[in-house]
Amino acid sequence: MKERSHFGPLTMTTVSLDDLDSHLVFDFISQFLPQHYDEVRDMFRRKGAYECFKDLLERQDKIQNWYAFSDEQAAKALKEWCKEEGLLPAP
């Protein structure tokens, strides 16, 4: 959807957070727990996937790695979005 304001054209894009999060999950699993990829893929075909995923991370002692990875990826995505929109992050 495009809207116009006195600041010029604005492009609105709707992306599901679940889609973004699941991409992060599979990137993480590929890097840190590749032997569990099929198991995680099966988890995300059912309800309660994130709870099961976090249980797996706890059992594998990777939950802190997940939080760090997720935070880092979110910061990268925000920085890229700001760049694409011509915005400068606050100093």
Protein backbone atom coordinates (compact mmCIF):
# COMPACT_ATOMS: atom_id res chain seq x y z
CA MET A 1 0.00 0.00 0.00
CA LYS A 2 1.37 3.43 -0.88
CA GLU A 3 0.36 6.56 0.94
CA ARG A 4 1.29 10.14 0.28
CA SER A 5 2.11 12.69 2.93
CA HIS A 6 3.76 16.08 2.97
CA PHE A 7 7.04 14.20 3.46
CA GLY A 8 6.67 12.40 0.13
CA PRO A 9 5.67 8.86 -0.82
CA LEU A 10 5.63 6.22 1.87
CA THR A 11 5.80 2.54 1.08
CA MET A 12 4.17 0.27 3.60
CA THR A 13 5.17 -3.38 3.64
CA THR A 14 3.49 -5.94 5.81
CA VAL A 15 5.62 -8.86 6.88
CA SER A 16 4.53 -11.47 9.36
CA LEU A 17 6.67 -11.58 12.48
CA ASP A 18 6.14 -15.33 12.53
CA ASP A 19 7.69 -15.58 9.06
CA LEU A 20 10.69 -13.50 10.13
CA ASP A 21 11.11 -15.45 13.35
CA SER A 22 10.93 -18.82 11.62
CA HIS A 23 13.61 -17.73 9.14
CA LEU A 24 15.80 -16.77 12.09
CA VAL A 25 15.09 -20.12 13.74
CA PHE A 26 16.23 -22.07 10.70
CA ASP A 27 19.31 -19.89 10.21
CA PHE A 28 20.19 -20.46 13.85
CA ILE A 29 19.60 -24.20 13.73
CA SER A 30 21.68 -24.52 10.57
CA GLN A 31 24.61 -22.84 12.31
CA PHE A 32 24.39 -24.11 15.87
CA LEU A 33 22.39 -27.37 15.92
CA PRO A 34 22.29 -28.74 12.36
CA GLN A 35 21.69 -32.28 13.64
CA HIS A 36 18.28 -31.06 14.92
CA TYR A 37 17.14 -29.38 11.68
CA ASP A 38 14.53 -32.02 10.77
CA GLU A 39 13.20 -32.08 14.32
CA VAL A 40 12.78 -28.30 14.35
CA ARG A 41 11.20 -28.31 10.89
CA ASP A 42 8.63 -30.78 12.22
CA MET A 43 8.03 -28.58 15.29
CA PHE A 44 7.12 -25.62 13.09
CA ARG A 45 4.41 -27.61 11.36
CA ARG A 46 2.41 -27.73 14.60
CA LYS A 47 1.00 -25.33 17.17
CA GLY A 48 3.27 -24.44 20.05
CA ALA A 49 6.40 -24.50 17.90
CA TYR A 50 8.25 -21.73 19.73
CA GLU A 51 7.70 -23.33 23.12
CA CYS A 52 9.03 -26.65 21.81
CA PHE A 53 11.93 -24.87 20.12
CA LYS A 54 12.91 -23.09 23.31
CA ASP A 55 12.66 -26.36 25.24
CA LEU A 56 15.10 -27.89 22.76
CA LEU A 57 17.46 -24.94 23.17
CA GLU A 58 17.33 -25.31 26.96
CA ARG A 59 18.09 -29.04 26.72
CA GLN A 60 21.01 -28.33 24.38
CA ASP A 61 22.27 -25.40 26.49
CA LYS A 62 21.89 -23.01 23.54
CA ILE A 63 19.20 -20.64 24.77
CA GLN A 64 21.63 -17.78 25.45
CA ASN A 65 23.16 -18.33 22.01
CA TRP A 66 19.66 -18.02 20.54
CA TYR A 67 18.94 -14.74 22.34
CA ALA A 68 22.27 -13.26 21.23
CA PHE A 69 21.77 -14.44 17.64
CA SER A 70 18.20 -13.15 17.51
CA ASP A 71 19.20 -9.74 18.93
CA GLU A 72 22.11 -9.45 16.49
CA GLN A 73 19.93 -10.32 13.50
CA ALA A 74 17.21 -7.87 14.58
CA ALA A 75 19.80 -5.09 14.88
CA LYS A 76 21.15 -5.91 11.40
CA ALA A 77 17.65 -5.90 9.91
CA LEU A 78 16.80 -2.57 11.54
CA LYS A 79 20.04 -1.02 10.35
CA GLU A 80 19.41 -2.26 6.80
CA TRP A 81 15.83 -0.94 6.87
CA CYS A 82 17.04 2.48 8.04
CA LYS A 83 19.60 2.52 5.24
CA GLU A 84 16.97 1.60 2.64
CA GLU A 85 14.63 4.30 3.96
CA GLY A 86 17.36 6.92 4.00
CA LEU A 87 17.21 7.23 7.78
CA LEU A 88 20.21 7.67 9.98
CA PRO A 89 20.34 5.86 13.30
CA ALA A 90 20.68 8.05 16.39
CA PRO A 91 24.30 8.51 17.51
